[in-house]
Amino acid sequence: MTTDVEKFGTRNWGMIADLDKCTGCQACVLACQAENNIPINTQDRVERARSISWIRVERYWEGDFPDTKARFIPIMCQHCENAPCEPVCPVYASYHNSEGLNVQVYNRCVGTRYCANACPYIVRFFNYWDPVWPESLRNHLNPDVTIRSRGIMEKCSFCIQRINRTSRKAKSEGRELEDGEIQTACSAACGTHGIVFGDLNDPDSRVSKLKNNKRAFTLLEQFGTDPNVIYLAKVDPHKKGSEEGHH
């Protein structure tokens, strides 16, 4: 008889983004671009709404002038447990793996863009052109990450190449992975340590403990997608009940 652990795996990767620590510096965006071989967004691509960025930092405003405050929230693929992008793909290019990741298989993708239309978070991107880099940057591409060609979809992978590399190393050394040993590019680059990555199935991991924080919430909860990206609400010390945060 197959147990749930054997069927779904022992790990469930997730991410915590603490909005109280996010300064909107966009270091996570740049780190993601470099790590995952994302083409440079030229002015022409931006003007045509064809730019690609696996993470976007949304900015919004709170309060009335002169007490207006800027707030920031990084948004990437939420790696939903009930991902609406998965059942609409006719070639099974988008699927859920045994470790809780919403995986994109580039070699299967035929570019229908159904997944992008189904995603409520607007975090999937279509390659309208073949990627191009300046000559000076071509030798700096990450050899562990596939170059996506024209006509296929792409999105945040939770830096699956880092997960696989570190998992293989731990296995070859005959030991278990340690909490915090795997870091995505965005979590490693965050200067305020506002992004935490880890195993949600491990009750002793930082992500599991932070998930149970009273400030925790997920985006668009009304859709029932059950994301593996959890946010911690911003704390305003001048508001009553601010210890619970707000968003």
Protein backbone atom coordinates (compact mmCIF):
# COMPACT_ATOMS: atom_id res chain seq x y z
CA MET A 1 0.00 0.00 0.00
CA THR A 2 1.35 3.43 -0.99
CA THR A 3 1.47 5.98 1.81
CA ASP A 4 0.95 9.71 1.35
CA VAL A 5 4.66 10.30 1.98
CA GLU A 6 5.65 7.81 -0.74
CA LYS A 7 3.10 9.25 -3.14
CA PHE A 8 3.76 12.93 -2.68
CA GLY A 9 7.35 12.93 -1.42
CA THR A 10 8.81 13.92 1.93
CA ARG A 11 9.42 17.59 1.08
CA ASN A 12 7.17 20.48 0.19
CA TRP A 13 9.20 23.53 -0.78
CA GLY A 14 7.81 26.90 0.17
CA MET A 15 8.76 30.54 0.57
CA ILE A 16 8.06 33.28 3.08
CA ALA A 17 8.21 36.96 2.08
CA ASP A 18 8.20 39.33 5.05
CA LEU A 19 6.69 42.61 3.85
CA ASP A 20 7.89 44.33 7.01
CA LYS A 21 11.45 43.82 5.76
CA CYS A 22 10.92 44.53 2.05
CA THR A 23 12.39 47.90 1.01
CA GLY A 24 11.59 47.58 -2.68
CA CYS A 25 15.29 47.57 -3.62
CA GLN A 26 14.71 44.94 -6.34
CA ALA A 27 17.91 43.04 -5.52
CA CYS A 28 15.78 39.87 -5.70
CA VAL A 29 14.69 40.78 -9.24
CA LEU A 30 18.25 41.27 -10.47
CA ALA A 31 19.52 38.12 -8.77
CA CYS A 32 16.72 36.11 -10.36
CA GLN A 33 17.49 37.56 -13.80
CA ALA A 34 21.16 36.59 -13.52
CA GLU A 35 20.62 33.14 -12.00
CA ASN A 36 17.94 32.01 -14.44
CA ASN A 37 19.27 33.39 -17.74
CA ILE A 38 16.40 35.82 -18.23
CA PRO A 39 17.01 38.05 -21.29
CA ILE A 40 17.59 41.75 -20.80
CA ASN A 41 14.37 43.72 -21.10
CA THR A 42 15.05 46.36 -23.75
CA GLN A 43 13.00 49.53 -24.08
CA ASP A 44 11.30 48.07 -27.15
CA ARG A 45 10.14 44.99 -25.21
CA VAL A 46 8.87 47.09 -22.33
CA GLU A 47 6.94 49.41 -24.65
CA ARG A 48 5.30 46.41 -26.30
CA ALA A 49 4.45 44.82 -22.94
CA ARG A 50 6.69 41.87 -23.82
CA SER A 51 9.21 42.13 -20.98
CA ILE A 52 10.00 39.08 -18.84
CA SER A 53 10.64 39.23 -15.10
CA TRP A 54 10.05 36.17 -12.94
CA ILE A 55 9.71 38.47 -9.91
CA ARG A 56 8.00 41.83 -9.92
CA VAL A 57 7.95 44.19 -6.96
CA GLU A 58 4.56 45.85 -6.76
CA ARG A 59 4.41 49.28 -5.13
CA TYR A 60 1.31 50.76 -3.60
CA TRP A 61 0.51 53.67 -1.32
CA GLU A 62 -1.18 53.94 2.05
CA GLY A 63 -2.42 56.92 4.00
CA ASP A 64 -3.35 60.47 3.12
CA PHE A 65 -0.90 63.23 2.28
CA PRO A 66 1.37 64.20 3.99
CA ASP A 67 1.37 60.86 5.82
CA THR A 68 1.48 58.77 2.65
CA LYS A 69 3.72 55.68 2.84
CA ALA A 70 5.02 53.44 0.08
CA ARG A 71 4.52 49.70 0.49
CA PHE A 72 6.20 46.94 -1.50
CA ILE A 73 5.34 43.33 -2.24
CA PRO A 74 7.42 40.90 -4.36
CA ILE A 75 5.28 38.64 -6.53
CA MET A 76 6.51 35.51 -8.28
CA CYS A 77 4.99 32.13 -9.23
CA GLN A 78 3.13 31.04 -6.12
CA HIS A 79 3.68 27.29 -6.74
CA CYS A 80 0.05 26.64 -5.84
CA GLU A 81 -1.11 23.27 -4.55
CA ASN A 82 -4.28 23.77 -6.61
CA ALA A 83 -2.59 25.52 -9.51
CA PRO A 84 -5.10 26.62 -12.20
CA CYS A 85 -2.33 26.62 -14.81
CA GLU A 86 -1.80 22.85 -14.62
CA PRO A 87 -5.11 21.31 -15.80
CA VAL A 88 -5.45 23.68 -18.77
CA CYS A 89 -2.15 22.67 -20.42
CA PRO A 90 -2.96 20.27 -23.28
CA VAL A 91 0.56 18.79 -23.38
CA TYR A 92 1.22 18.46 -19.64
CA ALA A 93 4.05 21.00 -19.80
CA SER A 94 2.92 22.46 -16.48
CA TYR A 95 2.55 19.95 -13.67
CA HIS A 96 3.03 19.44 -9.93
CA ASN A 97 6.03 17.38 -8.86
CA SER A 98 6.48 15.29 -5.72
CA GLU A 99 8.17 18.12 -3.80
CA GLY A 100 5.40 20.69 -4.13
CA LEU A 101 6.84 22.58 -7.10
CA ASN A 102 4.80 23.79 -10.04
CA VAL A 103 7.18 22.65 -12.79
CA GLN A 104 7.42 23.98 -16.35
CA VAL A 105 8.79 21.48 -18.90
CA TYR A 106 10.13 23.61 -21.74
CA ASN A 107 10.53 20.74 -24.22
CA ARG A 108 6.83 19.91 -23.96
CA CYS A 109 5.49 23.46 -24.21
CA VAL A 110 3.79 24.34 -27.51
CA GLY A 111 2.97 27.92 -26.57
CA THR A 112 -0.82 27.86 -26.27
CA ARG A 113 -0.58 30.38 -23.40
CA TYR A 114 -3.57 28.77 -21.71
CA CYS A 115 -1.57 28.61 -18.49
CA ALA A 116 -0.89 32.36 -18.53
CA ASN A 117 -4.58 33.08 -19.05
CA ALA A 118 -5.53 30.76 -16.17
CA CYS A 119 -3.00 32.19 -13.70
CA PRO A 120 -4.58 34.87 -11.47
CA TYR A 121 -1.17 36.17 -10.33
CA ILE A 122 0.10 37.22 -13.80
CA VAL A 123 3.48 35.54 -13.29
CA ARG A 124 3.81 33.47 -16.47
CA PHE A 125 5.61 34.83 -19.50
CA PHE A 126 5.62 33.97 -23.19
CA ASN A 127 8.77 34.22 -25.30
CA TYR A 128 7.80 36.26 -28.34
CA TRP A 129 11.39 36.31 -29.59
CA ASP A 130 14.52 34.21 -29.22
CA PRO A 131 16.60 35.51 -26.30
CA VAL A 132 19.49 37.84 -27.07
CA TRP A 133 22.31 38.98 -24.80
CA PRO A 134 25.15 41.43 -25.38
CA GLU A 135 28.40 39.74 -26.38
CA SER A 136 29.97 40.72 -23.06
CA LEU A 137 27.35 38.76 -21.10
CA ARG A 138 27.19 35.52 -23.06
CA ASN A 139 29.98 33.88 -21.08
CA HIS A 140 28.19 34.73 -17.83
CA LEU A 141 25.08 32.64 -18.46
CA ASN A 142 24.24 29.93 -15.92
CA PRO A 143 25.05 26.50 -17.45
CA ASP A 144 22.59 24.82 -15.07
CA VAL A 145 19.57 26.66 -16.52
CA THR A 146 18.03 25.96 -19.93
CA ILE A 147 17.83 28.83 -22.41
CA ARG A 148 14.17 29.23 -23.35
CA SER A 149 13.50 29.60 -27.06
CA ARG A 150 10.87 31.55 -28.91
CA GLY A 151 7.30 30.30 -28.58
CA ILE A 152 7.32 28.78 -25.08
CA MET A 153 6.26 29.83 -21.59
CA GLU A 154 8.48 30.41 -18.59
CA LYS A 155 8.15 31.47 -14.95
CA CYS A 156 9.74 31.21 -11.50
CA SER A 157 11.03 27.71 -10.80
CA PHE A 158 12.01 28.23 -7.14
CA CYS A 159 15.55 27.86 -8.54
CA ILE A 160 15.04 24.13 -9.05
CA GLN A 161 18.63 23.82 -10.28
CA ARG A 162 19.84 24.86 -6.83
CA ILE A 163 17.45 22.43 -5.14
CA ASN A 164 18.66 19.54 -7.29
CA ARG A 165 22.35 20.41 -6.95
CA THR A 166 22.27 20.75 -3.17
CA SER A 167 20.06 17.66 -2.75
CA ARG A 168 22.49 15.56 -4.82
CA LYS A 169 25.43 16.82 -2.78
CA ALA A 170 23.76 15.93 0.52
CA LYS A 171 22.83 12.49 -0.80
CA SER A 172 26.38 11.80 -2.00
CA GLU A 173 27.65 12.76 1.46
CA GLY A 174 25.15 10.42 3.09
CA ARG A 175 23.33 13.06 5.10
CA GLU A 176 20.02 14.90 5.29
CA LEU A 177 19.55 18.43 4.01
CA GLU A 178 19.84 21.09 6.69
CA ASP A 179 17.25 23.82 7.09
CA GLY A 180 18.37 26.88 5.15
CA GLU A 181 21.00 24.97 3.19
CA ILE A 182 19.09 25.57 -0.04
CA GLN A 183 18.61 29.20 -0.94
CA THR A 184 16.92 30.56 -4.02
CA ALA A 185 18.68 33.41 -5.81
CA CYS A 186 16.17 35.90 -4.45
CA SER A 187 16.46 34.76 -0.84
CA ALA A 188 20.26 34.81 -1.02
CA ALA A 189 20.26 38.34 -2.47
CA CYS A 190 17.77 39.92 -0.06
CA GLY A 191 19.74 42.39 2.04
CA THR A 192 17.18 42.43 4.85
CA HIS A 193 16.71 38.63 4.92
CA GLY A 194 13.07 39.20 4.09
CA ILE A 195 12.76 36.10 1.89
CA VAL A 196 13.06 32.67 3.50
CA PHE A 197 13.03 29.37 1.60
CA GLY A 198 12.64 25.89 3.01
CA ASP A 199 10.62 22.73 3.55
CA LEU A 200 7.04 23.32 4.68
CA ASN A 201 6.77 19.65 5.67
CA ASP A 202 9.49 20.09 8.30
CA PRO A 203 7.79 21.46 11.44
CA ASP A 204 11.15 22.71 12.73
CA SER A 205 12.05 24.68 9.59
CA ARG A 206 11.94 28.48 9.57
CA VAL A 207 9.32 28.56 6.82
CA SER A 208 7.00 26.27 8.80
CA LYS A 209 7.32 28.40 11.91
CA LEU A 210 6.82 31.64 9.99
CA LYS A 211 3.82 30.19 8.16
CA ASN A 212 2.08 29.91 11.52
CA ASN A 213 2.82 33.53 12.39
CA LYS A 214 -0.32 35.61 12.98
CA ARG A 215 0.84 38.02 10.28
CA ALA A 216 0.83 35.28 7.61
CA PHE A 217 -1.45 35.50 4.59
CA THR A 218 -1.54 34.36 0.97
CA LEU A 219 -2.48 36.29 -2.15
CA LEU A 220 -5.97 35.99 -3.64
CA GLU A 221 -7.12 33.51 -1.01
CA GLN A 222 -10.65 33.62 -2.45
CA PHE A 223 -9.52 31.56 -5.46
CA GLY A 224 -8.54 28.56 -3.32
CA THR A 225 -5.21 28.03 -5.10
CA ASP A 226 -3.39 27.20 -1.82
CA PRO A 227 -0.05 28.88 -2.68
CA ASN A 228 3.32 27.77 -1.32
CA VAL A 229 4.41 31.41 -1.14
CA ILE A 230 3.27 32.95 2.14
CA TYR A 231 3.52 36.62 3.02
CA LEU A 232 3.94 38.25 6.42
CA ALA A 233 1.90 41.45 6.64
CA LYS A 234 3.49 44.84 7.15
CA VAL A 235 3.59 46.08 10.74
CA ASP A 236 2.69 49.71 11.41
CA PRO A 237 3.74 50.64 14.97
CA HIS A 238 1.46 53.69 14.91
CA LYS A 239 -1.71 51.68 14.31
CA LYS A 240 -3.74 49.99 17.00
CA GLY A 241 -3.35 46.23 16.83
CA SER A 242 -0.33 46.60 14.55
CA GLU A 243 1.35 43.57 16.10
CA GLU A 244 -0.94 41.49 13.89
CA GLY A 245 0.09 43.39 10.76
CA HIS A 246 -2.06 44.52 7.85
CA HIS A 247 -2.14 44.11 4.09
